PDB file of N, CA and C in Angstrom:
ATOM      1  N   UNK A   1      41.582-161.890  85.649  1.00  0.00           N
ATOM      2  CA  UNK A   1      41.718-162.679  84.436  1.00  0.00           C
ATOM      3  C   UNK A   1      43.087-162.410  83.825  1.00  0.00           C
ATOM      4  N   UNK A   2      43.784-163.455  83.449  1.00  0.00           N
ATOM      5  CA  UNK A   2      45.106-163.333  82.862  1.00  0.00           C
ATOM      6  C   UNK A   2      45.059-163.723  81.396  1.00  0.00           C
ATOM      7  N   UNK A   3      45.892-163.045  80.622  1.00  0.00           N
ATOM      8  CA  UNK A   3      46.015-163.370  79.219  1.00  0.00           C
ATOM      9  C   UNK A   3      47.415-163.920  78.978  1.00  0.00           C
ATOM     10  N   UNK A   4      47.471-165.123  78.440  1.00  0.00           N
ATOM     11  CA  UNK A   4      48.739-165.765  78.113  1.00  0.00           C
ATOM     12  C   UNK A   4      48.710-166.122  76.640  1.00  0.00           C
ATOM     13  N   UNK A   5      49.779-165.781  75.934  1.00  0.00           N
ATOM     14  CA  UNK A   5      49.884-166.116  74.518  1.00  0.00           C
ATOM     15  C   UNK A   5      51.123-166.976  74.312  1.00  0.00           C
ATOM     16  N   UNK A   6      50.954-168.113  73.651  1.00  0.00           N
ATOM     17  CA  UNK A   6      52.091-168.961  73.287  1.00  0.00           C
ATOM     18  C   UNK A   6      52.223-168.897  71.774  1.00  0.00           C
ATOM     19  N   UNK A   7      53.327-168.319  71.331  1.00  0.00           N
ATOM     20  CA  UNK A   7      53.576-168.123  69.901  1.00  0.00           C
ATOM     21  C   UNK A   7      54.080-169.416  69.261  1.00  0.00           C
ATOM     22  N   UNK A   8      53.997-169.520  67.931  1.00  0.00           N
ATOM     23  CA  UNK A   8      54.449-170.736  67.246  1.00  0.00           C
ATOM     24  C   UNK A   8      55.906-171.112  67.529  1.00  0.00           C
ATOM     25  N   UNK A   9      56.762-170.107  67.808  1.00  0.00           N
ATOM     26  CA  UNK A   9      58.168-170.416  68.083  1.00  0.00           C
ATOM     27  C   UNK A   9      58.401-170.835  69.532  1.00  0.00           C
ATOM     28  N   UNK A  10      57.311-170.911  70.322  1.00  0.00           N
ATOM     29  CA  UNK A  10      57.417-171.328  71.714  1.00  0.00           C
ATOM     30  C   UNK A  10      57.519-170.192  72.705  1.00  0.00           C
ATOM     31  N   UNK A  11      57.591-168.964  72.212  1.00  0.00           N
ATOM     32  CA  UNK A  11      57.655-167.802  73.096  1.00  0.00           C
ATOM     33  C   UNK A  11      56.335-167.653  73.849  1.00  0.00           C
ATOM     34  N   UNK A  12      56.438-167.399  75.152  1.00  0.00           N
ATOM     35  CA  UNK A  12      55.263-167.206  75.993  1.00  0.00           C
ATOM     36  C   UNK A  12      55.197-165.739  76.386  1.00  0.00           C
ATOM     37  N   UNK A  13      54.050-165.093  76.129  1.00  0.00           N
ATOM     38  CA  UNK A  13      53.869-163.689  76.489  1.00  0.00           C
ATOM     39  C   UNK A  13      52.724-163.564  77.478  1.00  0.00           C
ATOM     40  N   UNK A  14      52.911-162.712  78.491  1.00  0.00           N
ATOM     41  CA  UNK A  14      51.864-162.459  79.479  1.00  0.00           C
ATOM     42  C   UNK A  14      52.164-161.133  80.159  1.00  0.00           C
ATOM     43  N   UNK A  15      51.157-160.571  80.816  1.00  0.00           N
ATOM     44  CA  UNK A  15      51.328-159.336  81.567  1.00  0.00           C
ATOM     45  C   UNK A  15      51.550-159.670  83.026  1.00  0.00           C
ATOM     46  N   UNK A  16      52.450-158.952  83.677  1.00  0.00           N
ATOM     47  CA  UNK A  16      52.709-159.155  85.090  1.00  0.00           C
ATOM     48  C   UNK A  16      54.141-159.569  85.339  1.00  0.00           C
ATOM     49  N   UNK A  17      54.461-159.734  86.617  1.00  0.00           N
ATOM     50  CA  UNK A  17      55.826-160.094  86.995  1.00  0.00           C
ATOM     51  C   UNK A  17      56.105-161.586  86.904  1.00  0.00           C
ATOM     52  N   UNK A  18      55.077-162.409  87.087  1.00  0.00           N
ATOM     53  CA  UNK A  18      55.260-163.858  87.028  1.00  0.00           C
ATOM     54  C   UNK A  18      54.178-164.474  86.160  1.00  0.00           C
ATOM     55  N   UNK A  19      54.520-165.569  85.529  1.00  0.00           N
ATOM     56  CA  UNK A  19      53.569-166.265  84.666  1.00  0.00           C
ATOM     57  C   UNK A  19      52.438-166.829  85.519  1.00  0.00           C
ATOM     58  N   UNK A  20      51.191-166.574  85.114  1.00  0.00           N
ATOM     59  CA  UNK A  20      50.056-167.056  85.898  1.00  0.00           C
ATOM     60  C   UNK A  20      49.929-168.581  85.925  1.00  0.00           C
ATOM     61  N   UNK A  21      50.583-169.272  85.022  1.00  0.00           N
ATOM     62  CA  UNK A  21      50.583-170.732  85.012  1.00  0.00           C
ATOM     63  C   UNK A  21      51.959-171.229  85.424  1.00  0.00           C
ATOM     64  N   UNK A  22      52.028-172.416  85.929  1.00  0.00           N
ATOM     65  CA  UNK A  22      53.293-172.994  86.342  1.00  0.00           C
ATOM     66  C   UNK A  22      53.976-173.627  85.125  1.00  0.00           C
ATOM     67  N   UNK A  23      54.525-172.773  84.271  1.00  0.00           N
ATOM     68  CA  UNK A  23      55.200-173.242  83.060  1.00  0.00           C
ATOM     69  C   UNK A  23      56.703-173.291  83.307  1.00  0.00           C
ATOM     70  N   UNK A  24      57.378-174.290  82.763  1.00  0.00           N
ATOM     71  CA  UNK A  24      58.829-174.380  82.933  1.00  0.00           C
ATOM     72  C   UNK A  24      59.544-173.428  81.960  1.00  0.00           C
ATOM     73  N   UNK A  25      59.642-172.168  82.337  1.00  0.00           N
ATOM     74  CA  UNK A  25      60.287-171.171  81.479  1.00  0.00           C
ATOM     75  C   UNK A  25      61.784-171.144  81.780  1.00  0.00           C
ATOM     76  N   UNK A  26      62.595-171.459  80.776  1.00  0.00           N
ATOM     77  CA  UNK A  26      64.033-171.587  80.977  1.00  0.00           C
ATOM     78  C   UNK A  26      64.705-170.243  81.268  1.00  0.00           C
ATOM     79  N   UNK A  27      64.587-169.299  80.378  1.00  0.00           N
ATOM     80  CA  UNK A  27      65.248-168.007  80.518  1.00  0.00           C
ATOM     81  C   UNK A  27      64.244-166.884  80.263  1.00  0.00           C
ATOM     82  N   UNK A  28      63.402-166.592  81.239  1.00  0.00           N
ATOM     83  CA  UNK A  28      62.398-165.558  81.000  1.00  0.00           C
ATOM     84  C   UNK A  28      63.039-164.189  80.784  1.00  0.00           C
ATOM     85  N   UNK A  29      62.489-163.442  79.845  1.00  0.00           N
ATOM     86  CA  UNK A  29      62.965-162.098  79.532  1.00  0.00           C
ATOM     87  C   UNK A  29      61.840-161.131  79.870  1.00  0.00           C
ATOM     88  N   UNK A  30      62.127-160.188  80.753  1.00  0.00           N
ATOM     89  CA  UNK A  30      61.133-159.173  81.102  1.00  0.00           C
ATOM     90  C   UNK A  30      61.307-157.990  80.165  1.00  0.00           C
ATOM     91  N   UNK A  31      60.183-157.458  79.724  1.00  0.00           N
ATOM     92  CA  UNK A  31      60.207-156.318  78.818  1.00  0.00           C
ATOM     93  C   UNK A  31      59.152-155.320  79.269  1.00  0.00           C
ATOM     94  N   UNK A  32      59.563-154.089  79.470  1.00  0.00           N
ATOM     95  CA  UNK A  32      58.624-153.054  79.868  1.00  0.00           C
ATOM     96  C   UNK A  32      57.781-152.663  78.657  1.00  0.00           C
ATOM     97  N   UNK A  33      56.465-152.645  78.857  1.00  0.00           N
ATOM     98  CA  UNK A  33      55.567-152.285  77.759  1.00  0.00           C
ATOM     99  C   UNK A  33      54.876-150.953  78.005  1.00  0.00           C
ATOM    100  N   UNK A  34      55.032-150.413  79.222  1.00  0.00           N
ATOM    101  CA  UNK A  34      54.398-149.134  79.524  1.00  0.00           C
ATOM    102  C   UNK A  34      55.101-148.463  80.696  1.00  0.00           C
ATOM    103  N   UNK A  35      54.772-147.191  80.890  1.00  0.00           N
ATOM    104  CA  UNK A  35      55.244-146.470  82.066  1.00  0.00           C
ATOM    105  C   UNK A  35      54.063-145.760  82.702  1.00  0.00           C
ATOM    106  N   UNK A  36      54.098-145.650  84.012  1.00  0.00           N
ATOM    107  CA  UNK A  36      53.123-144.862  84.749  1.00  0.00           C
ATOM    108  C   UNK A  36      53.922-144.001  85.714  1.00  0.00           C
ATOM    109  N   UNK A  37      53.862-142.681  85.495  1.00  0.00           N
ATOM    110  CA  UNK A  37      54.660-141.756  86.287  1.00  0.00           C
ATOM    111  C   UNK A  37      53.822-140.551  86.686  1.00  0.00           C
ATOM    112  N   UNK A  38      54.197-139.888  87.797  1.00  0.00           N
ATOM    113  CA  UNK A  38      53.505-138.660  88.176  1.00  0.00           C
ATOM    114  C   UNK A  38      53.695-137.592  87.096  1.00  0.00           C
ATOM    115  N   UNK A  39      52.706-136.729  86.922  1.00  0.00           N
ATOM    116  CA  UNK A  39      52.820-135.678  85.909  1.00  0.00           C
ATOM    117  C   UNK A  39      53.486-134.419  86.451  1.00  0.00           C
ATOM    118  N   UNK A  40      53.403-134.187  87.746  1.00  0.00           N
ATOM    119  CA  UNK A  40      54.036-133.009  88.347  1.00  0.00           C
ATOM    120  C   UNK A  40      55.548-133.213  88.304  1.00  0.00           C
ATOM    121  N   UNK A  41      56.287-132.239  87.768  1.00  0.00           N
ATOM    122  CA  UNK A  41      57.713-132.436  87.463  1.00  0.00           C
ATOM    123  C   UNK A  41      58.539-132.820  88.684  1.00  0.00           C
ATOM    124  N   UNK A  42      58.309-132.210  89.842  1.00  0.00           N
ATOM    125  CA  UNK A  42      59.145-132.525  91.001  1.00  0.00           C
ATOM    126  C   UNK A  42      58.815-133.907  91.571  1.00  0.00           C
ATOM    127  N   UNK A  43      57.552-134.316  91.479  1.00  0.00           N
ATOM    128  CA  UNK A  43      57.196-135.677  91.912  1.00  0.00           C
ATOM    129  C   UNK A  43      57.776-136.704  90.950  1.00  0.00           C
ATOM    130  N   UNK A  44      57.701-136.409  89.640  1.00  0.00           N
ATOM    131  CA  UNK A  44      58.239-137.332  88.638  1.00  0.00           C
ATOM    132  C   UNK A  44      59.749-137.485  88.819  1.00  0.00           C
ATOM    133  N   UNK A  45      60.441-136.360  89.076  1.00  0.00           N
ATOM    134  CA  UNK A  45      61.891-136.413  89.286  1.00  0.00           C
ATOM    135  C   UNK A  45      62.227-137.259  90.512  1.00  0.00           C
ATOM    136  N   UNK A  46      61.515-137.032  91.612  1.00  0.00           N
ATOM    137  CA  UNK A  46      61.741-137.822  92.829  1.00  0.00           C
ATOM    138  C   UNK A  46      61.397-139.285  92.590  1.00  0.00           C
ATOM    139  N   UNK A  47      60.296-139.535  91.889  1.00  0.00           N
ATOM    140  CA  UNK A  47      59.849-140.901  91.580  1.00  0.00           C
ATOM    141  C   UNK A  47      60.923-141.645  90.790  1.00  0.00           C
ATOM    142  N   UNK A  48      61.409-141.030  89.715  1.00  0.00           N
ATOM    143  CA  UNK A  48      62.423-141.680  88.875  1.00  0.00           C
ATOM    144  C   UNK A  48      63.727-141.896  89.637  1.00  0.00           C
ATOM    145  N   UNK A  49      64.110-140.923  90.453  1.00  0.00           N
ATOM    146  CA  UNK A  49      65.329-141.070  91.254  1.00  0.00           C
ATOM    147  C   UNK A  49      65.193-142.227  92.243  1.00  0.00           C
ATOM    148  N   UNK A  50      64.087-142.254  92.983  1.00  0.00           N
ATOM    149  CA  UNK A  50      63.887-143.317  93.968  1.00  0.00           C
ATOM    150  C   UNK A  50      63.799-144.689  93.321  1.00  0.00           C
ATOM    151  N   UNK A  51      63.135-144.778  92.181  1.00  0.00           N
ATOM    152  CA  UNK A  51      63.030-146.068  91.489  1.00  0.00           C
ATOM    153  C   UNK A  51      64.390-146.522  90.960  1.00  0.00           C
ATOM    154  N   UNK A  52      65.199-145.574  90.501  1.00  0.00           N
ATOM    155  CA  UNK A  52      66.520-145.940  89.988  1.00  0.00           C
ATOM    156  C   UNK A  52      67.437-146.402  91.124  1.00  0.00           C
ATOM    157  N   UNK A  53      67.389-145.721  92.246  1.00  0.00           N
ATOM    158  CA  UNK A  53      68.258-146.040  93.373  1.00  0.00           C
ATOM    159  C   UNK A  53      67.765-147.270  94.140  1.00  0.00           C
ATOM    160  N   UNK A  54      66.463-147.343  94.390  1.00  0.00           N
ATOM    161  CA  UNK A  54      65.916-148.385  95.268  1.00  0.00           C
ATOM    162  C   UNK A  54      65.247-149.543  94.535  1.00  0.00           C
ATOM    163  N   UNK A  55      65.032-149.407  93.240  1.00  0.00           N
ATOM    164  CA  UNK A  55      64.407-150.482  92.472  1.00  0.00           C
ATOM    165  C   UNK A  55      62.895-150.388  92.446  1.00  0.00           C
ATOM    166  N   UNK A  56      62.280-151.332  91.744  1.00  0.00           N
ATOM    167  CA  UNK A  56      60.834-151.324  91.536  1.00  0.00           C
ATOM    168  C   UNK A  56      60.092-152.246  92.490  1.00  0.00           C
ATOM    169  N   UNK A  57      60.803-152.814  93.428  1.00  0.00           N
ATOM    170  CA  UNK A  57      60.176-153.655  94.453  1.00  0.00           C
ATOM    171  C   UNK A  57      60.646-153.163  95.810  1.00  0.00           C
ATOM    172  N   UNK A  58      59.919-153.508  96.825  1.00  0.00           N
ATOM    173  CA  UNK A  58      60.334-153.143  98.171  1.00  0.00           C
ATOM    174  C   UNK A  58      59.522-151.997  98.752  1.00  0.00           C
ATOM    175  N   UNK A  59      59.958-151.559  99.923  1.00  0.00           N
ATOM    176  CA  UNK A  59      59.204-150.552 100.667  1.00  0.00           C
ATOM    177  C   UNK A  59      59.188-149.200  99.988  1.00  0.00           C
ATOM    178  N   UNK A  60      60.294-148.787  99.401  1.00  0.00           N
ATOM    179  CA  UNK A  60      60.336-147.477  98.745  1.00  0.00           C
ATOM    180  C   UNK A  60      59.419-147.472  97.528  1.00  0.00           C
ATOM    181  N   UNK A  61      59.439-148.530  96.745  1.00  0.00           N
ATOM    182  CA  UNK A  61      58.548-148.621  95.582  1.00  0.00           C
ATOM    183  C   UNK A  61      57.092-148.605  96.027  1.00  0.00           C
ATOM    184  N   UNK A  62      56.779-149.324  97.102  1.00  0.00           N
ATOM    185  CA  UNK A  62      55.409-149.330  97.627  1.00  0.00           C
ATOM    186  C   UNK A  62      55.011-147.928  98.087  1.00  0.00           C
ATOM    187  N   UNK A  63      55.943-147.211  98.681  1.00  0.00           N
ATOM    188  CA  UNK A  63      55.693-145.835  99.116  1.00  0.00           C
ATOM    189  C   UNK A  63      55.353-144.942  97.918  1.00  0.00           C
ATOM    190  N   UNK A  64      56.118-145.050  96.829  1.00  0.00           N
ATOM    191  CA  UNK A  64      55.860-144.198  95.663  1.00  0.00           C
ATOM    192  C   UNK A  64      54.534-144.544  94.987  1.00  0.00           C
ATOM    193  N   UNK A  65      54.085-145.788  95.102  1.00  0.00           N
ATOM    194  CA  UNK A  65      52.806-146.189  94.507  1.00  0.00           C
ATOM    195  C   UNK A  65      51.611-145.552  95.220  1.00  0.00           C
ATOM    196  N   UNK A  66      51.805-145.102  96.436  1.00  0.00           N
ATOM    197  CA  UNK A  66      50.713-144.493  97.201  1.00  0.00           C
ATOM    198  C   UNK A  66      50.607-142.983  96.994  1.00  0.00           C
ATOM    199  N   UNK A  67      51.520-142.392  96.228  1.00  0.00           N
ATOM    200  CA  UNK A  67      51.474-140.949  96.010  1.00  0.00           C
ATOM    201  C   UNK A  67      50.185-140.561  95.298  1.00  0.00           C
ATOM    202  N   UNK A  68      49.699-139.376  95.596  1.00  0.00           N
ATOM    203  CA  UNK A  68      48.506-138.859  94.941  1.00  0.00           C
ATOM    204  C   UNK A  68      48.866-138.398  93.532  1.00  0.00           C
ATOM    205  N   UNK A  69      47.892-138.391  92.635  1.00  0.00           N
ATOM    206  CA  UNK A  69      48.088-138.060  91.232  1.00  0.00           C
ATOM    207  C   UNK A  69      48.190-136.580  90.992  1.00  0.00           C
ATOM    208  N   UNK A  70      48.126-136.212  89.744  1.00  0.00           N
ATOM    209  CA  UNK A  70      47.782-137.040  88.593  1.00  0.00           C
ATOM    210  C   UNK A  70      48.950-137.909  88.110  1.00  0.00           C
ATOM    211  N   UNK A  71      48.574-139.010  87.436  1.00  0.00           N
ATOM    212  CA  UNK A  71      49.527-139.970  86.888  1.00  0.00           C
ATOM    213  C   UNK A  71      49.347-140.049  85.375  1.00  0.00           C
ATOM    214  N   UNK A  72      50.465-140.160  84.657  1.00  0.00           N
ATOM    215  CA  UNK A  72      50.413-140.319  83.197  1.00  0.00           C
ATOM    216  C   UNK A  72      50.865-141.726  82.844  1.00  0.00           C
ATOM    217  N   UNK A  73      50.020-142.421  82.086  1.00  0.00           N
ATOM    218  CA  UNK A  73      50.352-143.758  81.606  1.00  0.00           C
ATOM    219  C   UNK A  73      50.687-143.666  80.117  1.00  0.00           C
ATOM    220  N   UNK A  74      51.747-144.341  79.705  1.00  0.00           N
ATOM    221  CA  UNK A  74      52.170-144.349  78.302  1.00  0.00           C
ATOM    222  C   UNK A  74      52.424-145.789  77.873  1.00  0.00           C
ATOM    223  N   UNK A  75      51.777-146.212  76.784  1.00  0.00           N
ATOM    224  CA  UNK A  75      52.054-147.519  76.180  1.00  0.00           C
ATOM    225  C   UNK A  75      53.243-147.305  75.244  1.00  0.00           C
ATOM    226  N   UNK A  76      54.369-147.918  75.535  1.00  0.00           N
ATOM    227  CA  UNK A  76      55.612-147.627  74.816  1.00  0.00           C
ATOM    228  C   UNK A  76      55.566-148.021  73.338  1.00  0.00           C
ATOM    229  N   UNK A  77      54.930-149.123  73.004  1.00  0.00           N
ATOM    230  CA  UNK A  77      54.924-149.596  71.620  1.00  0.00           C
ATOM    231  C   UNK A  77      54.120-148.688  70.690  1.00  0.00           C
ATOM    232  N   UNK A  78      53.080-148.055  71.216  1.00  0.00           N
ATOM    233  CA  UNK A  78      52.193-147.258  70.363  1.00  0.00           C
ATOM    234  C   UNK A  78      52.247-145.767  70.647  1.00  0.00           C
ATOM    235  N   UNK A  79      52.775-145.397  71.804  1.00  0.00           N
ATOM    236  CA  UNK A  79      52.806-143.997  72.188  1.00  0.00           C
ATOM    237  C   UNK A  79      51.488-143.490  72.767  1.00  0.00           C
ATOM    238  N   UNK A  80      50.488-144.374  72.865  1.00  0.00           N
ATOM    239  CA  UNK A  80      49.216-143.972  73.468  1.00  0.00           C
ATOM    240  C   UNK A  80      49.472-143.513  74.889  1.00  0.00           C
ATOM    241  N   UNK A  81      48.794-142.451  75.298  1.00  0.00           N
ATOM    242  CA  UNK A  81      48.956-141.988  76.670  1.00  0.00           C
ATOM    243  C   UNK A  81      47.648-141.405  77.175  1.00  0.00           C
ATOM    244  N   UNK A  82      47.543-141.361  78.489  1.00  0.00           N
ATOM    245  CA  UNK A  82      46.377-140.776  79.138  1.00  0.00           C
ATOM    246  C   UNK A  82      46.792-140.375  80.547  1.00  0.00           C
ATOM    247  N   UNK A  83      46.083-139.382  81.102  1.00  0.00           N
ATOM    248  CA  UNK A  83      46.368-138.894  82.448  1.00  0.00           C
ATOM    249  C   UNK A  83      45.184-139.238  83.345  1.00  0.00           C
ATOM    250  N   UNK A  84      45.500-139.682  84.565  1.00  0.00           N
ATOM    251  CA  UNK A  84      44.481-140.138  85.505  1.00  0.00           C
ATOM    252  C   UNK A  84      44.726-139.532  86.876  1.00  0.00           C
ATOM    253  N   UNK A  85      43.660-139.392  87.649  1.00  0.00           N
ATOM    254  CA  UNK A  85      43.767-138.870  89.011  1.00  0.00           C
ATOM    255  C   UNK A  85      44.389-139.879  89.961  1.00  0.00           C
ATOM    256  N   UNK A  86      44.188-141.161  89.692  1.00  0.00           N
ATOM    257  CA  UNK A  86      44.754-142.189  90.566  1.00  0.00           C
ATOM    258  C   UNK A  86      45.637-143.142  89.767  1.00  0.00           C
ATOM    259  N   UNK A  87      46.615-143.699  90.452  1.00  0.00           N
ATOM    260  CA  UNK A  87      47.512-144.662  89.810  1.00  0.00           C
ATOM    261  C   UNK A  87      46.743-145.920  89.409  1.00  0.00           C
ATOM    262  N   UNK A  88      45.789-146.334  90.242  1.00  0.00           N
ATOM    263  CA  UNK A  88      45.008-147.533  89.934  1.00  0.00           C
ATOM    264  C   UNK A  88      44.204-147.349  88.652  1.00  0.00           C
ATOM    265  N   UNK A  89      43.649-146.163  88.440  1.00  0.00           N
ATOM    266  CA  UNK A  89      42.909-145.899  87.201  1.00  0.00           C
ATOM    267  C   UNK A  89      43.847-146.001  85.996  1.00  0.00           C
ATOM    268  N   UNK A  90      45.084-145.546  86.150  1.00  0.00           N
ATOM    269  CA  UNK A  90      46.068-145.648  85.067  1.00  0.00           C
ATOM    270  C   UNK A  90      46.405-147.112  84.786  1.00  0.00           C
ATOM    271  N   UNK A  91      46.541-147.911  85.841  1.00  0.00           N
ATOM    272  CA  UNK A  91      46.831-149.343  85.682  1.00  0.00           C
ATOM    273  C   UNK A  91      45.666-150.047  84.995  1.00  0.00           C
ATOM    274  N   UNK A  92      44.448-149.712  85.390  1.00  0.00           N
ATOM    275  CA  UNK A  92      43.265-150.324  84.772  1.00  0.00           C
ATOM    276  C   UNK A  92      43.198-150.001  83.288  1.00  0.00           C
ATOM    277  N   UNK A  93      43.461-148.737  82.923  1.00  0.00           N
ATOM    278  CA  UNK A  93      43.459-148.331  81.513  1.00  0.00           C
ATOM    279  C   UNK A  93      44.556-149.068  80.754  1.00  0.00           C
ATOM    280  N   UNK A  94      45.741-149.119  81.331  1.00  0.00           N
ATOM    281  CA  UNK A  94      46.877-149.805  80.713  1.00  0.00           C
ATOM    282  C   UNK A  94      46.530-151.271  80.429  1.00  0.00           C
ATOM    283  N   UNK A  95      45.950-151.959  81.401  1.00  0.00           N
ATOM    284  CA  UNK A  95      45.590-153.363  81.230  1.00  0.00           C
ATOM    285  C   UNK A  95      44.554-153.526  80.120  1.00  0.00           C
ATOM    286  N   UNK A  96      43.581-152.629  80.094  1.00  0.00           N
ATOM    287  CA  UNK A  96      42.538-152.693  79.063  1.00  0.00           C
ATOM    288  C   UNK A  96      43.140-152.511  77.668  1.00  0.00           C
ATOM    289  N   UNK A  97      44.047-151.563  77.535  1.00  0.00           N
ATOM    290  CA  UNK A  97      44.691-151.328  76.229  1.00  0.00           C
ATOM    291  C   UNK A  97      45.546-152.525  75.834  1.00  0.00           C
ATOM    292  N   UNK A  98      46.332-153.030  76.770  1.00  0.00           N
ATOM    293  CA  UNK A  98      47.286-154.109  76.450  1.00  0.00           C
ATOM    294  C   UNK A  98      46.628-155.451  76.208  1.00  0.00           C
ATOM    295  N   UNK A  99      45.462-155.687  76.778  1.00  0.00           N
ATOM    296  CA  UNK A  99      44.800-156.963  76.570  1.00  0.00           C
ATOM    297  C   UNK A  99      43.673-156.880  75.551  1.00  0.00           C
ATOM    298  N   UNK A 100      43.417-155.698  75.040  1.00  0.00           N
ATOM    299  CA  UNK A 100      42.375-155.518  74.057  1.00  0.00           C
ATOM    300  C   UNK A 100      42.769-156.097  72.707  1.00  0.00           C
ATOM    301  N   UNK A 101      41.824-156.139  71.782  1.00  0.00           N
ATOM    302  CA  UNK A 101      42.128-156.652  70.445  1.00  0.00           C
ATOM    303  C   UNK A 101      43.109-155.738  69.708  1.00  0.00           C
ATOM    304  N   UNK A 102      43.828-156.310  68.790  1.00  0.00           N
ATOM    305  CA  UNK A 102      44.730-155.596  67.899  1.00  0.00           C
ATOM    306  C   UNK A 102      45.983-155.058  68.579  1.00  0.00           C
ATOM    307  N   UNK A 103      46.355-155.565  69.740  1.00  0.00           N
ATOM    308  CA  UNK A 103      47.597-155.127  70.359  1.00  0.00           C
ATOM    309  C   UNK A 103      48.531-156.307  70.493  1.00  0.00           C
ATOM    310  N   UNK A 104      49.717-156.182  69.921  1.00  0.00           N
ATOM    311  CA  UNK A 104      50.725-157.237  70.014  1.00  0.00           C
ATOM    312  C   UNK A 104      51.862-156.751  70.890  1.00  0.00           C
ATOM    313  N   UNK A 105      52.244-157.581  71.869  1.00  0.00           N
ATOM    314  CA  UNK A 105      53.372-157.224  72.724  1.00  0.00           C
ATOM    315  C   UNK A 105      54.606-157.341  71.918  1.00  0.00           C
TER     316      UNK A 105
END
Protein backbone atom coordinates (compact mmCIF):
# COMPACT_ATOMS: atom_id res chain seq x y z
CA UNK A 1 0.00 0.00 0.00
CA UNK A 2 1.35 3.41 -0.96
CA UNK A 3 0.60 6.74 0.60
CA UNK A 4 0.59 9.78 -1.66
CA UNK A 5 -0.17 13.29 -0.45
CA UNK A 6 -0.86 16.21 -2.79
CA UNK A 7 -0.58 19.50 -0.92
CA UNK A 8 -2.58 22.64 -1.81
CA UNK A 9 0.51 24.20 -3.45
CA UNK A 10 0.78 21.19 -5.78
CA UNK A 11 3.64 19.49 -3.96
CA UNK A 12 3.43 15.70 -4.13
CA UNK A 13 4.82 13.68 -1.21
CA UNK A 14 5.31 9.91 -1.10
CA UNK A 15 7.65 7.29 0.34
CA UNK A 16 10.03 5.42 -1.93
CA UNK A 17 12.32 6.08 -4.86
CA UNK A 18 9.61 6.56 -7.49
CA UNK A 19 6.07 7.87 -7.39
CA UNK A 20 3.61 4.96 -7.29
CA UNK A 21 1.37 6.79 -9.79
CA UNK A 22 2.35 7.94 -13.25
CA UNK A 23 2.29 11.65 -12.42
CA UNK A 24 4.05 14.22 -14.61
CA UNK A 25 6.50 15.49 -11.98
CA UNK A 26 8.65 18.25 -13.47
CA UNK A 27 11.53 18.54 -10.99
CA UNK A 28 11.25 15.88 -8.31
CA UNK A 29 13.24 16.56 -5.14
CA UNK A 30 14.36 13.59 -3.07
CA UNK A 31 14.63 14.12 0.66
CA UNK A 32 15.95 11.62 3.17
CA UNK A 33 13.52 11.18 6.05
CA UNK A 34 15.32 8.42 7.93
CA UNK A 35 18.50 6.40 8.26
CA UNK A 36 19.02 2.71 8.85
CA UNK A 37 22.58 1.78 9.78
CA UNK A 38 24.40 -1.06 11.55
CA UNK A 39 24.92 -0.42 15.27
CA UNK A 40 28.32 -2.14 15.51
CA UNK A 41 30.89 0.65 15.00
CA UNK A 42 33.15 -1.14 12.49
CA UNK A 43 30.19 -2.31 10.38
CA UNK A 44 28.67 1.18 10.48
CA UNK A 45 32.00 2.71 9.42
CA UNK A 46 32.35 0.25 6.53
CA UNK A 47 28.67 0.73 5.60
CA UNK A 48 28.96 4.54 5.47
CA UNK A 49 32.24 4.36 3.54
CA UNK A 50 30.86 1.93 0.95
CA UNK A 51 27.65 3.91 0.53
CA UNK A 52 29.58 7.15 0.09
CA UNK A 53 31.98 5.66 -2.47
CA UNK A 54 29.62 3.32 -4.34
CA UNK A 55 26.24 5.00 -3.85
CA UNK A 56 22.89 3.72 -2.60
CA UNK A 57 22.09 1.62 -5.66
CA UNK A 58 23.90 -1.22 -7.32
CA UNK A 59 25.65 -4.39 -6.26
CA UNK A 60 27.62 -2.93 -3.36
CA UNK A 61 24.49 -1.36 -1.84
CA UNK A 62 22.64 -4.67 -2.26
CA UNK A 63 25.56 -6.41 -0.53
CA UNK A 64 25.40 -4.06 2.48
CA UNK A 65 21.62 -4.60 2.77
CA UNK A 66 22.23 -8.30 3.42
CA UNK A 67 24.50 -7.73 6.43
CA UNK A 68 23.34 -9.20 9.72
CA UNK A 69 22.16 -6.82 12.46
CA UNK A 70 21.60 -5.23 14.76
CA UNK A 71 20.36 -2.21 12.78
CA UNK A 72 19.38 1.21 14.15
CA UNK A 73 16.62 3.16 12.43
CA UNK A 74 16.28 6.91 13.05
CA UNK A 75 13.45 9.16 11.83
CA UNK A 76 15.33 12.40 11.11
CA UNK A 77 12.45 14.85 11.59
CA UNK A 78 11.54 13.61 15.08
CA UNK A 79 14.66 11.86 16.32
CA UNK A 80 12.66 8.69 17.04
CA UNK A 81 14.90 5.66 16.93
CA UNK A 82 14.79 1.93 17.52
CA UNK A 83 17.18 -1.01 17.18
CA UNK A 84 16.24 -4.20 15.34
CA UNK A 85 17.84 -7.59 14.70
CA UNK A 86 17.05 -7.42 10.99
CA UNK A 87 17.15 -4.60 8.47
CA UNK A 88 13.69 -5.58 7.21
CA UNK A 89 12.23 -5.15 10.70
CA UNK A 90 13.77 -1.66 10.81
CA UNK A 91 12.25 -0.83 7.41
CA UNK A 92 8.83 -2.09 8.53
CA UNK A 93 8.98 0.05 11.69
CA UNK A 94 10.14 3.08 9.69
CA UNK A 95 7.24 2.70 7.23
CA UNK A 96 4.74 2.33 10.07
CA UNK A 97 6.02 5.49 11.78
CA UNK A 98 6.17 7.53 8.57
CA UNK A 99 2.73 6.57 7.31
CA UNK A 100 1.01 6.67 10.67
CA UNK A 101 -1.21 9.52 11.84
CA UNK A 102 0.30 12.80 12.99
CA UNK A 103 3.49 12.58 10.93
CA UNK A 104 4.22 15.22 8.31
CA UNK A 105 7.07 14.78 5.86
